[in-house]
Amino acid sequence: MDRLLLFPEPFPDESLYSLAVRYHRLVANDSYRRTSHELFGTYSRTCGSVLPCCLRALSQRLDGQYSVTELAEARTLLPLYKPFLSGKVYESTVRCMQSTQGTGLKMSLGMTASGLLKFSSFRCCEACIQHDADEYGVPYWHRIHMAAGVCICPHHDNVLLRAIFPEDADWRCMLLPGESNSTPVLSESSSGAASAVAKMQFWGLSDPQSACGLVRNDFLRWRLTDMGMIHGGRLREQAIRSYVERRFRHSTQEEEFQTVTLDSEWVMRLLRRRRRIIQPFRYYFLCWLLETNADDLRKYEHRTLHQKCSRNFLVKPLYIPASTAETTKFRQAFKIDGNEKCHDRTGYFWLYHHDRDWLKSYVKSHPVIRRERVSVDWSDRDVSLSSELVSAHIEIMTEMGKPIKITKSALFRKVSNHYGFLRNRQKFPKSIEILKTLLETEHDYQIRKVYWAIRVFSLSEHYAVSVIMRFSGIRVRRISESEIAILFLTQQGCEDL
């Protein structure tokens, strides 16, 4: 196997593709195909991916200067996914990346199913381009800029630019940041959610061991406990959904954020993991929804509290003081919010964590006047329902067209609350009694159908009884011939009038 005689020195957070581009420039190759064969010994179609393959061949060509694990963890986005993978899956991923076959890699990590791949692109920051050119002499592609959900540079808070390769080419044209046209990935000049998520993902990428501890110690469950979203060891699902849906409105609705702000179903799936692979973007976005940032993740201190139950609960961290300006802002927002429930007011959980004494004092001095529940007048409801049942009976009897049998279902469909009152039968005695008198027997129903057929089809008593039954839609007769004769006489009397 050929050994590489020269290879560029990696820059901080530089991606493997960026190193390949700089190598391509150093040796002045005329095509990516030649560069790929020199680096990987084959034509690799994954070099521009966030999880490239053929790393074993590259490590061998570098004479072991960088091991496969070092290349995977320092030059790809694999460390970002490490906290959410089991040891077995992580080792399998590394083996796949060191081989020449990367088929199914993104699918196995849930990236395909997440729907985030359609937003993937080569992104860069104008400030980073200038800084890298001044500091290292050349701009380069940063790993963190390629991560799903990173739309703002975590270093400069600038909206990232999406590179547009010339003439519909792809990454194989081997360009560096700033060498092609580009468009902003966000139309907003600033976004608190996008900035916070980008910084948290950069922290997770830079310090995967701490991120592993964060996930292993169940930071999200601790945070929910601190916010009062867990009761008796169970998630308060409705409270969680309501809270995160309110937070959705404060987030950007563009790019990858479209997939996480449409509904809150994914939040509950993430909290009830059940061996699902979590996407880092969704995990850190949920951290933001729960009002945490990168500093909170760094300060997180995990301690266990053993209680007399089947599950261990996490103790709250030490009190964290906040600045005066920030405290004033949250106090004012809490006062302005007119929600009757304190837990649902803006800034409640922040004040509970940082300014609890003031919060307790304010709540105590502003007691909530609870409205007395008006007892239900079941007698009045019974009278109203009985009237509705009688009206429904009259409506069915007077309807045009083929008669409809008066059954419980037919009556219930025309009254308010439908079948609800049956759950409290003892509270509707009058309605139950009236209902019994309104129901129609099969005999009475056939009389109405025969009378309807006589009128509609102009039948006479000379027709055979079987013919009359057929016109009436009756298969099993419950009506006598004498009753049919009376119906003919009734119809004849109506015609004479």
Protein backbone atom coordinates (compact mmCIF):
# COMPACT_ATOMS: atom_id res chain seq x y z
CA MET A 1 0.00 0.00 0.00
CA ASP A 2 1.36 3.42 -1.00
CA ARG A 3 2.31 5.77 1.77
CA LEU A 4 1.39 9.47 1.56
CA LEU A 5 4.51 11.60 1.37
CA LEU A 6 2.69 14.72 2.52
CA PHE A 7 -0.57 15.49 4.27
CA PRO A 8 -1.83 18.81 5.66
CA GLU A 9 -1.73 19.42 9.40
CA PRO A 10 -5.35 19.42 10.70
CA PHE A 11 -6.75 22.68 12.06
CA PRO A 12 -9.10 22.90 15.09
CA ASP A 13 -12.51 21.34 14.35
CA GLU A 14 -11.56 20.74 10.70
CA SER A 15 -13.57 18.10 8.87
CA LEU A 16 -12.02 15.22 6.95
CA TYR A 17 -13.42 16.57 3.70
CA SER A 18 -11.67 19.90 4.33
CA LEU A 19 -8.37 18.03 4.80
CA ALA A 20 -9.00 16.18 1.52
CA VAL A 21 -9.58 19.48 -0.28
CA ARG A 22 -6.36 20.96 1.09
CA TYR A 23 -4.44 17.80 0.13
CA HIS A 24 -5.99 18.05 -3.34
CA ARG A 25 -4.60 21.60 -3.62
CA LEU A 26 -1.16 20.67 -2.26
CA VAL A 27 -0.50 17.91 -4.79
CA ALA A 28 -2.27 19.82 -7.60
CA ASN A 29 -4.50 16.93 -8.65
CA ASP A 30 -6.78 17.52 -11.60
CA SER A 31 -9.77 15.54 -10.30
CA TYR A 32 -11.32 14.25 -7.11
CA ARG A 33 -11.10 10.69 -8.43
CA ARG A 34 -7.30 10.81 -8.35
CA THR A 35 -7.31 12.39 -4.89
CA SER A 36 -9.68 9.72 -3.61
CA HIS A 37 -7.51 6.89 -4.89
CA GLU A 38 -4.41 8.45 -3.31
CA LEU A 39 -6.09 8.97 0.08
CA PHE A 40 -8.39 5.96 0.33
CA GLY A 41 -7.16 3.51 -2.29
CA THR A 42 -10.58 3.58 -3.93
CA TYR A 43 -13.14 5.99 -5.32
CA SER A 44 -14.90 7.00 -2.11
CA ARG A 45 -18.33 8.54 -2.51
CA THR A 46 -18.57 9.39 1.19
CA CYS A 47 -15.64 11.79 1.60
CA GLY A 48 -18.00 14.77 1.66
CA SER A 49 -20.30 13.13 4.21
CA VAL A 50 -20.40 14.00 7.91
CA LEU A 51 -19.70 10.29 8.54
CA PRO A 52 -17.19 9.26 5.83
CA CYS A 53 -15.89 5.73 5.26
CA CYS A 54 -12.54 4.23 4.11
CA LEU A 55 -10.80 5.50 7.26
CA ARG A 56 -8.68 2.35 7.69
CA ALA A 57 -7.04 2.85 4.29
CA LEU A 58 -6.33 6.51 5.08
CA SER A 59 -4.84 5.62 8.48
CA GLN A 60 -2.55 3.04 6.86
CA ARG A 61 -1.44 5.49 4.19
CA LEU A 62 -0.54 7.93 6.94
CA ASP A 63 1.64 5.19 8.45
CA GLY A 64 -0.46 5.08 11.61
CA GLN A 65 0.06 8.75 12.44
CA TYR A 66 -3.70 8.94 13.04
CA SER A 67 -5.62 5.84 14.07
CA VAL A 68 -9.07 5.06 12.70
CA THR A 69 -10.64 6.03 16.03
CA GLU A 70 -8.74 9.34 16.09
CA LEU A 71 -9.87 10.17 12.57
CA ALA A 72 -13.49 9.26 13.37
CA GLU A 73 -13.63 11.18 16.64
CA ALA A 74 -11.57 14.24 15.67
CA ARG A 75 -12.52 14.77 12.00
CA THR A 76 -16.16 13.63 11.74
CA LEU A 77 -19.45 14.26 13.55
CA LEU A 78 -19.44 10.83 15.19
CA PRO A 79 -18.65 12.25 18.70
CA LEU A 80 -21.89 14.23 18.50
CA TYR A 81 -23.83 10.96 18.22
CA LYS A 82 -21.73 9.01 20.74
CA PRO A 83 -23.80 9.89 23.87
CA PHE A 84 -26.93 8.49 22.23
CA LEU A 85 -25.46 5.19 21.02
CA SER A 86 -24.89 1.99 22.95
CA GLY A 87 -21.35 0.66 23.07
CA LYS A 88 -22.22 -2.08 20.60
CA VAL A 89 -23.79 0.30 18.08
CA TYR A 90 -20.89 2.76 18.42
CA GLU A 91 -18.30 0.07 17.74
CA SER A 92 -20.32 -1.15 14.77
CA THR A 93 -20.43 2.41 13.41
CA VAL A 94 -16.66 2.80 13.72
CA ARG A 95 -16.13 -0.53 11.91
CA CYS A 96 -18.44 0.63 9.13
CA MET A 97 -16.54 3.92 8.80
CA GLN A 98 -13.18 2.17 8.58
CA SER A 99 -14.37 -0.14 5.80
CA THR A 100 -15.09 0.73 2.18
CA GLN A 101 -18.83 -0.01 2.48
CA GLY A 102 -20.93 2.70 4.13
CA THR A 103 -24.31 1.50 2.90
CA GLY A 104 -26.97 1.83 5.58
CA LEU A 105 -24.78 3.78 8.02
CA LYS A 106 -27.00 6.86 8.22
CA MET A 107 -30.10 4.68 8.31
CA SER A 108 -28.74 2.70 11.28
CA LEU A 109 -28.19 5.96 13.19
CA GLY A 110 -31.73 7.17 12.51
CA MET A 111 -30.56 10.07 10.35
CA THR A 112 -32.61 8.98 7.34
CA ALA A 113 -35.82 8.47 9.32
CA SER A 114 -35.43 11.82 11.09
CA GLY A 115 -36.00 13.75 7.86
CA LEU A 116 -33.04 16.04 8.60
CA LEU A 117 -30.86 14.89 5.69
CA LYS A 118 -32.86 16.95 3.21
CA PHE A 119 -31.54 20.09 4.93
CA SER A 120 -27.89 18.99 4.87
CA SER A 121 -25.50 21.31 3.05
CA PHE A 122 -22.00 22.72 3.22
CA ARG A 123 -22.17 25.70 5.54
CA CYS A 124 -19.69 28.31 6.61
CA CYS A 125 -19.44 31.51 8.64
CA GLU A 126 -18.09 34.76 7.19
CA ALA A 127 -16.36 35.63 10.46
CA CYS A 128 -14.78 32.15 10.64
CA ILE A 129 -13.52 32.48 7.06
CA GLN A 130 -11.80 35.75 7.91
CA HIS A 131 -10.43 34.44 11.21
CA ASP A 132 -9.09 31.21 9.67
CA ALA A 133 -7.47 33.09 6.79
CA ASP A 134 -5.72 35.44 9.23
CA GLU A 135 -4.78 32.76 11.77
CA TYR A 136 -3.96 29.75 9.56
CA GLY A 137 -3.55 31.26 6.11
CA VAL A 138 -6.52 29.45 4.59
CA PRO A 139 -10.23 29.06 5.41
CA TYR A 140 -11.53 25.54 6.04
CA TRP A 141 -14.74 23.62 6.63
CA HIS A 142 -15.68 23.32 10.31
CA ARG A 143 -17.33 20.11 11.50
CA ILE A 144 -19.83 21.86 13.74
CA HIS A 145 -21.16 23.94 10.84
CA MET A 146 -22.21 20.71 9.08
CA ALA A 147 -24.25 19.33 12.00
CA ALA A 148 -28.03 19.11 11.62
CA GLY A 149 -29.73 21.98 13.41
CA VAL A 150 -26.68 24.25 13.43
CA CYS A 151 -27.83 27.35 11.54
CA ILE A 152 -25.82 29.90 13.52
CA CYS A 153 -22.08 29.88 14.18
CA PRO A 154 -21.47 28.98 17.84
CA HIS A 155 -18.31 31.12 17.84
CA HIS A 156 -19.56 34.38 16.31
CA ASP A 157 -23.40 34.13 16.45
CA ASN A 158 -23.59 34.78 12.70
CA VAL A 159 -26.18 33.14 10.49
CA LEU A 160 -24.38 30.44 8.49
CA LEU A 161 -24.11 30.57 4.71
CA ARG A 162 -25.04 27.64 2.50
CA ALA A 163 -22.47 27.06 -0.24
CA ILE A 164 -23.80 26.82 -3.81
CA PHE A 165 -21.35 24.89 -5.95
CA PRO A 166 -20.94 26.16 -9.54
CA GLU A 167 -22.86 24.66 -12.46
CA ASP A 168 -24.89 22.30 -10.30
CA ALA A 169 -21.73 20.51 -9.19
CA ASP A 170 -21.42 18.82 -5.81
CA TRP A 171 -18.69 18.61 -3.17
CA ARG A 172 -16.38 16.78 -5.61
CA CYS A 173 -15.45 20.12 -7.18
CA MET A 174 -13.12 20.44 -4.13
CA LEU A 175 -13.73 24.02 -3.01
CA LEU A 176 -13.04 25.70 0.33
CA PRO A 177 -15.39 28.11 2.16
CA GLY A 178 -15.84 31.46 0.43
CA GLU A 179 -14.86 30.16 -3.02
CA SER A 180 -18.44 29.81 -4.29
CA ASN A 181 -21.72 31.66 -4.08
CA SER A 182 -23.72 31.22 -0.91
CA THR A 183 -27.07 32.06 0.66
CA PRO A 184 -28.04 32.46 4.35
CA VAL A 185 -29.73 29.41 5.86
CA LEU A 186 -31.94 31.66 8.01
CA SER A 187 -33.73 34.85 7.04
CA GLU A 188 -33.68 36.06 10.64
CA SER A 189 -30.77 38.18 11.76
CA SER A 190 -30.75 36.45 15.13
CA SER A 191 -32.46 33.57 16.83
CA GLY A 192 -32.05 32.72 20.48
CA ALA A 193 -33.09 29.11 19.96
CA ALA A 194 -30.78 28.52 16.98
CA SER A 195 -27.84 30.14 18.76
CA ALA A 196 -28.36 28.17 21.98
CA VAL A 197 -28.77 24.86 20.14
CA ALA A 198 -25.62 25.50 18.09
CA LYS A 199 -23.58 26.21 21.21
CA MET A 200 -24.90 23.15 23.00
CA GLN A 201 -24.11 20.94 20.02
CA PHE A 202 -20.60 22.39 19.81
CA TRP A 203 -20.15 21.57 23.50
CA GLY A 204 -21.36 18.02 22.87
CA LEU A 205 -19.03 17.64 19.89
CA SER A 206 -16.01 19.07 21.75
CA ASP A 207 -16.56 17.15 25.00
CA PRO A 208 -18.37 13.89 24.17
CA GLN A 209 -17.42 12.30 27.51
CA SER A 210 -19.27 14.99 29.48
CA ALA A 211 -22.19 14.71 27.06
CA CYS A 212 -22.25 10.94 27.68
CA GLY A 213 -22.47 11.62 31.41
CA LEU A 214 -25.28 14.09 30.78
CA VAL A 215 -27.35 11.48 28.96
CA ARG A 216 -26.36 8.61 31.25
CA ASN A 217 -27.41 10.59 34.35
CA ASP A 218 -30.69 11.52 32.66
CA PHE A 219 -30.34 15.29 32.66
CA LEU A 220 -33.72 15.78 31.00
CA ARG A 221 -35.53 13.87 33.74
CA TRP A 222 -33.76 15.91 36.39
CA ARG A 223 -34.76 19.11 34.61
CA LEU A 224 -38.38 18.02 34.34
CA THR A 225 -38.39 17.12 38.04
CA ASP A 226 -37.01 20.56 38.87
CA MET A 227 -39.75 22.15 36.76
CA GLY A 228 -42.50 20.15 38.44
CA MET A 229 -43.25 18.21 35.26
CA ILE A 230 -42.88 14.83 36.98
CA HIS A 231 -45.28 13.69 39.66
CA GLY A 232 -44.86 10.43 41.53
CA GLY A 233 -42.17 9.34 39.12
CA ARG A 234 -44.48 9.79 36.11
CA LEU A 235 -44.27 12.36 33.34
CA ARG A 236 -47.04 14.96 33.42
CA GLU A 237 -47.62 14.59 29.71
CA GLN A 238 -50.26 17.28 29.25
CA ALA A 239 -48.21 19.84 31.19
CA ILE A 240 -45.09 19.01 29.19
CA ARG A 241 -46.91 19.29 25.86
CA SER A 242 -48.50 22.62 26.78
CA TYR A 243 -45.20 24.04 27.98
CA VAL A 244 -43.08 23.06 24.96
CA GLU A 245 -45.79 24.15 22.51
CA ARG A 246 -45.68 27.63 24.07
CA ARG A 247 -41.91 27.60 23.71
CA PHE A 248 -42.23 26.63 20.03
CA ARG A 249 -43.56 30.12 19.33
CA HIS A 250 -40.27 31.66 20.51
CA SER A 251 -38.18 29.55 18.14
CA THR A 252 -37.36 30.04 14.48
CA GLN A 253 -39.63 28.17 12.06
CA GLU A 254 -37.09 27.78 9.25
CA GLU A 255 -34.87 24.97 7.95
CA GLU A 256 -34.40 22.03 10.32
CA PHE A 257 -36.52 23.73 12.98
CA GLN A 258 -39.60 23.07 10.85
CA THR A 259 -39.34 19.38 11.73
CA VAL A 260 -39.39 19.99 15.49
CA THR A 261 -41.90 22.83 15.89
CA LEU A 262 -44.88 21.31 14.07
CA ASP A 263 -46.03 19.16 16.99
CA SER A 264 -44.85 17.91 20.36
CA GLU A 265 -45.20 14.19 19.70
CA TRP A 266 -41.45 13.75 19.17
CA VAL A 267 -40.81 15.25 22.63
CA MET A 268 -42.71 12.45 24.34
CA ARG A 269 -41.02 9.82 22.16
CA LEU A 270 -37.64 11.24 23.13
CA LEU A 271 -38.48 11.26 26.84
CA ARG A 272 -39.77 7.70 26.55
CA ARG A 273 -36.78 6.56 24.55
CA ARG A 274 -37.43 2.79 24.45
CA ARG A 275 -34.16 1.98 22.66
CA ARG A 276 -34.70 4.58 19.97
CA ILE A 277 -31.62 6.40 18.68
CA ILE A 278 -31.91 10.08 19.56
CA GLN A 279 -30.82 12.73 17.10
CA PRO A 280 -28.45 15.22 18.81
CA PHE A 281 -30.29 18.20 17.34
CA ARG A 282 -33.60 17.11 18.85
CA TYR A 283 -32.02 16.36 22.22
CA TYR A 284 -30.33 19.76 22.52
CA PHE A 285 -33.39 21.55 21.14
CA LEU A 286 -35.43 19.94 23.89
CA CYS A 287 -32.82 21.19 26.37
CA TRP A 288 -33.50 24.69 25.04
CA LEU A 289 -37.25 24.14 25.30
CA LEU A 290 -36.69 23.37 28.97
CA GLU A 291 -34.87 26.71 29.34
CA THR A 292 -31.29 25.45 29.60
CA ASN A 293 -28.16 26.47 27.72
CA ALA A 294 -24.59 25.30 27.25
CA ASP A 295 -23.48 26.82 30.55
CA ASP A 296 -26.18 24.88 32.41
CA LEU A 297 -24.99 21.66 30.79
CA ARG A 298 -21.42 22.34 31.89
CA LYS A 299 -22.50 23.09 35.47
CA TYR A 300 -24.76 20.09 35.79
CA GLU A 301 -23.90 18.13 38.90
CA HIS A 302 -25.43 14.68 39.20
CA ARG A 303 -26.20 13.10 42.54
CA THR A 304 -28.56 10.25 43.28
CA LEU A 305 -31.12 10.07 46.03
CA HIS A 306 -32.26 6.58 47.00
CA GLN A 307 -35.89 6.54 48.01
CA LYS A 308 -38.25 3.79 49.02
CA CYS A 309 -39.50 3.17 45.53
CA SER A 310 -38.56 1.22 42.47
CA ARG A 311 -36.86 4.18 40.82
CA ASN A 312 -34.07 6.55 41.87
CA PHE A 313 -34.72 10.26 41.61
CA LEU A 314 -32.18 12.95 40.93
CA VAL A 315 -31.48 15.66 43.48
CA LYS A 316 -31.65 19.28 42.44
CA PRO A 317 -28.29 21.01 41.95
CA LEU A 318 -26.96 23.71 44.20
CA TYR A 319 -28.55 27.15 44.04
CA ILE A 320 -27.15 29.13 41.09
CA PRO A 321 -27.26 32.93 41.54
CA ALA A 322 -28.09 35.11 38.54
CA SER A 323 -27.29 38.66 37.53
CA THR A 324 -29.46 41.56 38.71
CA ALA A 325 -30.50 42.51 35.18
CA GLU A 326 -31.59 38.96 34.36
CA THR A 327 -33.47 38.62 37.64
CA THR A 328 -35.32 41.91 37.03
CA LYS A 329 -36.27 40.79 33.52
CA PHE A 330 -37.81 37.52 34.68
CA ARG A 331 -39.60 39.16 37.63
CA GLN A 332 -41.21 41.71 35.31
CA ALA A 333 -42.25 39.03 32.81
CA PHE A 334 -43.80 36.98 35.62
CA LYS A 335 -45.78 39.96 36.91
CA ILE A 336 -47.11 40.96 33.49
CA ASP A 337 -48.31 37.45 32.58
CA GLY A 338 -51.97 37.28 33.56
CA ASN A 339 -52.26 33.51 33.72
CA GLU A 340 -54.12 32.41 36.86
CA LYS A 341 -51.86 29.38 37.32
CA CYS A 342 -48.43 30.44 38.57
CA HIS A 343 -46.78 27.38 37.06
CA ASP A 344 -47.88 28.49 33.59
CA ARG A 345 -46.61 32.05 33.86
CA THR A 346 -43.58 33.22 31.89
CA GLY A 347 -40.34 32.72 33.80
CA TYR A 348 -41.84 30.71 36.68
CA PHE A 349 -39.34 27.85 36.47
CA TRP A 350 -36.39 30.22 36.08
CA LEU A 351 -37.46 32.17 39.19
CA TYR A 352 -38.07 28.95 41.08
CA HIS A 353 -34.51 27.90 40.36
CA HIS A 354 -32.71 31.25 40.71
CA ASP A 355 -34.93 33.59 42.77
CA ARG A 356 -37.12 31.31 44.87
CA ASP A 357 -37.41 33.57 47.93
CA TRP A 358 -38.86 36.43 45.88
CA LEU A 359 -41.19 34.04 44.07
CA LYS A 360 -42.57 32.61 47.31
CA SER A 361 -43.06 36.10 48.73
CA TYR A 362 -44.85 37.34 45.60
CA VAL A 363 -47.16 34.33 45.39
CA LYS A 364 -48.00 34.62 49.08
CA SER A 365 -48.86 38.33 48.77
CA HIS A 366 -50.98 37.75 45.63
CA PRO A 367 -53.29 34.86 46.52
CA VAL A 368 -55.41 33.44 43.75
CA ILE A 369 -59.12 33.90 44.29
CA ARG A 370 -60.51 30.52 43.45
CA ARG A 371 -63.93 30.52 41.88
CA GLU A 372 -66.54 28.37 43.51
CA ARG A 373 -67.75 25.57 41.38
CA VAL A 374 -71.38 25.87 40.52
CA SER A 375 -73.11 22.61 41.33
CA VAL A 376 -74.91 20.98 38.44
CA ASP A 377 -78.71 21.14 38.50
CA TRP A 378 -79.39 17.57 37.43
CA SER A 379 -83.15 18.02 37.74
CA ASP A 380 -83.09 20.86 35.21
CA ARG A 381 -80.89 18.80 32.91
CA ASP A 382 -83.35 15.90 33.18
CA VAL A 383 -86.27 18.12 32.13
CA SER A 384 -84.28 19.59 29.26
CA LEU A 385 -83.20 16.18 28.00
CA SER A 386 -86.72 14.79 28.14
CA SER A 387 -87.92 17.72 26.01
CA GLU A 388 -85.15 17.06 23.50
CA LEU A 389 -86.12 13.39 23.27
CA VAL A 390 -89.77 14.27 22.54
CA SER A 391 -88.69 16.81 19.90
CA ALA A 392 -86.38 14.23 18.34
CA HIS A 393 -89.26 11.73 18.18
CA ILE A 394 -91.50 14.26 16.43
CA GLU A 395 -88.72 15.17 13.99
CA ILE A 396 -88.18 11.54 13.00
CA MET A 397 -91.91 10.90 12.58
CA THR A 398 -92.35 13.91 10.30
CA GLU A 399 -89.31 13.35 8.12
CA MET A 400 -89.97 12.89 4.41
CA GLY A 401 -88.93 9.71 2.63
CA LYS A 402 -88.82 6.13 3.76
CA PRO A 403 -89.63 5.79 7.47
CA ILE A 404 -86.78 5.39 9.97
CA LYS A 405 -87.31 3.12 12.94
CA ILE A 406 -87.39 5.01 16.22
CA THR A 407 -84.60 3.41 18.25
CA LYS A 408 -82.36 4.64 21.03
CA SER A 409 -79.58 5.34 18.54
CA ALA A 410 -81.90 7.34 16.24
CA LEU A 411 -83.06 9.49 19.17
CA PHE A 412 -79.61 9.93 20.73
CA ARG A 413 -78.15 11.21 17.46
CA LYS A 414 -80.52 14.18 17.62
CA VAL A 415 -80.01 15.26 21.24
CA SER A 416 -77.09 17.10 22.83
CA ASN A 417 -74.47 15.04 24.63
CA HIS A 418 -75.62 12.02 22.58
CA TYR A 419 -75.00 8.94 24.75
CA GLY A 420 -73.41 10.85 27.63
CA PHE A 421 -76.43 10.78 29.92
CA LEU A 422 -76.43 6.97 29.94
CA ARG A 423 -73.33 7.10 32.17
CA ASN A 424 -75.51 8.72 34.88
CA ARG A 425 -78.86 7.01 34.35
CA GLN A 426 -79.86 7.50 37.98
CA LYS A 427 -79.71 11.30 37.50
CA PHE A 428 -82.14 11.28 34.53
CA PRO A 429 -85.18 9.32 35.79
CA LYS A 430 -87.75 11.34 33.84
CA SER A 431 -85.80 11.07 30.59
CA ILE A 432 -85.39 7.30 31.01
CA GLU A 433 -89.15 6.84 31.50
CA ILE A 434 -90.03 9.01 28.51
CA LEU A 435 -87.47 7.18 26.40
CA LYS A 436 -89.24 3.88 27.05
CA THR A 437 -92.54 5.29 25.72
CA LEU A 438 -90.95 6.78 22.60
CA LEU A 439 -89.26 3.64 21.31
CA GLU A 440 -90.99 1.87 18.44
CA THR A 441 -91.71 -1.85 18.18
CA GLU A 442 -91.14 -3.82 14.98
CA HIS A 443 -94.93 -4.16 14.54
CA ASP A 444 -95.52 -0.40 14.74
CA TYR A 445 -92.60 0.22 12.44
CA GLN A 446 -94.03 -2.14 9.78
CA ILE A 447 -97.40 -0.35 9.97
CA ARG A 448 -95.69 2.93 9.18
CA LYS A 449 -93.72 1.37 6.31
CA VAL A 450 -96.81 -0.21 4.74
CA TYR A 451 -98.75 3.04 5.02
CA TRP A 452 -95.81 4.86 3.42
CA ALA A 453 -95.68 2.35 0.53
CA ILE A 454 -99.43 2.68 -0.09
CA ARG A 455 -99.14 6.45 -0.37
CA VAL A 456 -95.93 6.65 -2.39
CA PHE A 457 -96.57 3.81 -4.87
CA SER A 458 -100.38 4.32 -5.11
CA LEU A 459 -101.10 0.73 -4.09
CA SER A 460 -104.64 -0.62 -3.79
CA GLU A 461 -106.26 -3.46 -1.85
CA HIS A 462 -106.27 -5.58 -5.04
CA TYR A 463 -102.48 -6.09 -4.76
CA ALA A 464 -101.34 -9.34 -3.23
CA VAL A 465 -99.97 -9.06 0.33
CA SER A 466 -96.52 -10.27 -0.86
CA VAL A 467 -96.37 -7.42 -3.37
CA ILE A 468 -97.24 -4.89 -0.67
CA MET A 469 -94.54 -6.34 1.62
CA ARG A 470 -91.96 -6.11 -1.18
CA PHE A 471 -92.78 -2.45 -1.88
CA SER A 472 -92.60 -1.76 1.87
CA GLY A 473 -89.21 -3.46 2.23
CA ILE A 474 -90.49 -6.02 4.75
CA ARG A 475 -89.07 -9.54 4.78
CA VAL A 476 -90.55 -11.02 7.95
CA ARG A 477 -94.15 -9.89 8.34
CA ARG A 478 -95.34 -8.73 11.76
CA ILE A 479 -98.56 -7.13 10.53
CA SER A 480 -101.89 -8.85 9.82
CA GLU A 481 -103.99 -8.61 6.64
CA SER A 482 -106.80 -6.93 8.56
CA GLU A 483 -104.41 -4.18 9.66
CA ILE A 484 -103.31 -3.73 6.06
CA ALA A 485 -106.96 -3.38 5.02
CA ILE A 486 -107.47 -0.71 7.68
CA LEU A 487 -104.48 1.19 6.29
CA PHE A 488 -106.03 1.14 2.80
CA LEU A 489 -109.29 2.51 4.19
CA THR A 490 -107.37 5.23 6.06
CA GLN A 491 -105.55 6.24 2.89
CA GLN A 492 -108.82 6.27 0.90
CA GLY A 493 -110.44 8.49 3.54
CA CYS A 494 -107.57 10.95 3.31
CA GLU A 495 -107.92 11.10 -0.47
CA ASP A 496 -111.68 11.77 -0.21
CA LEU A 497 -110.99 14.69 2.12
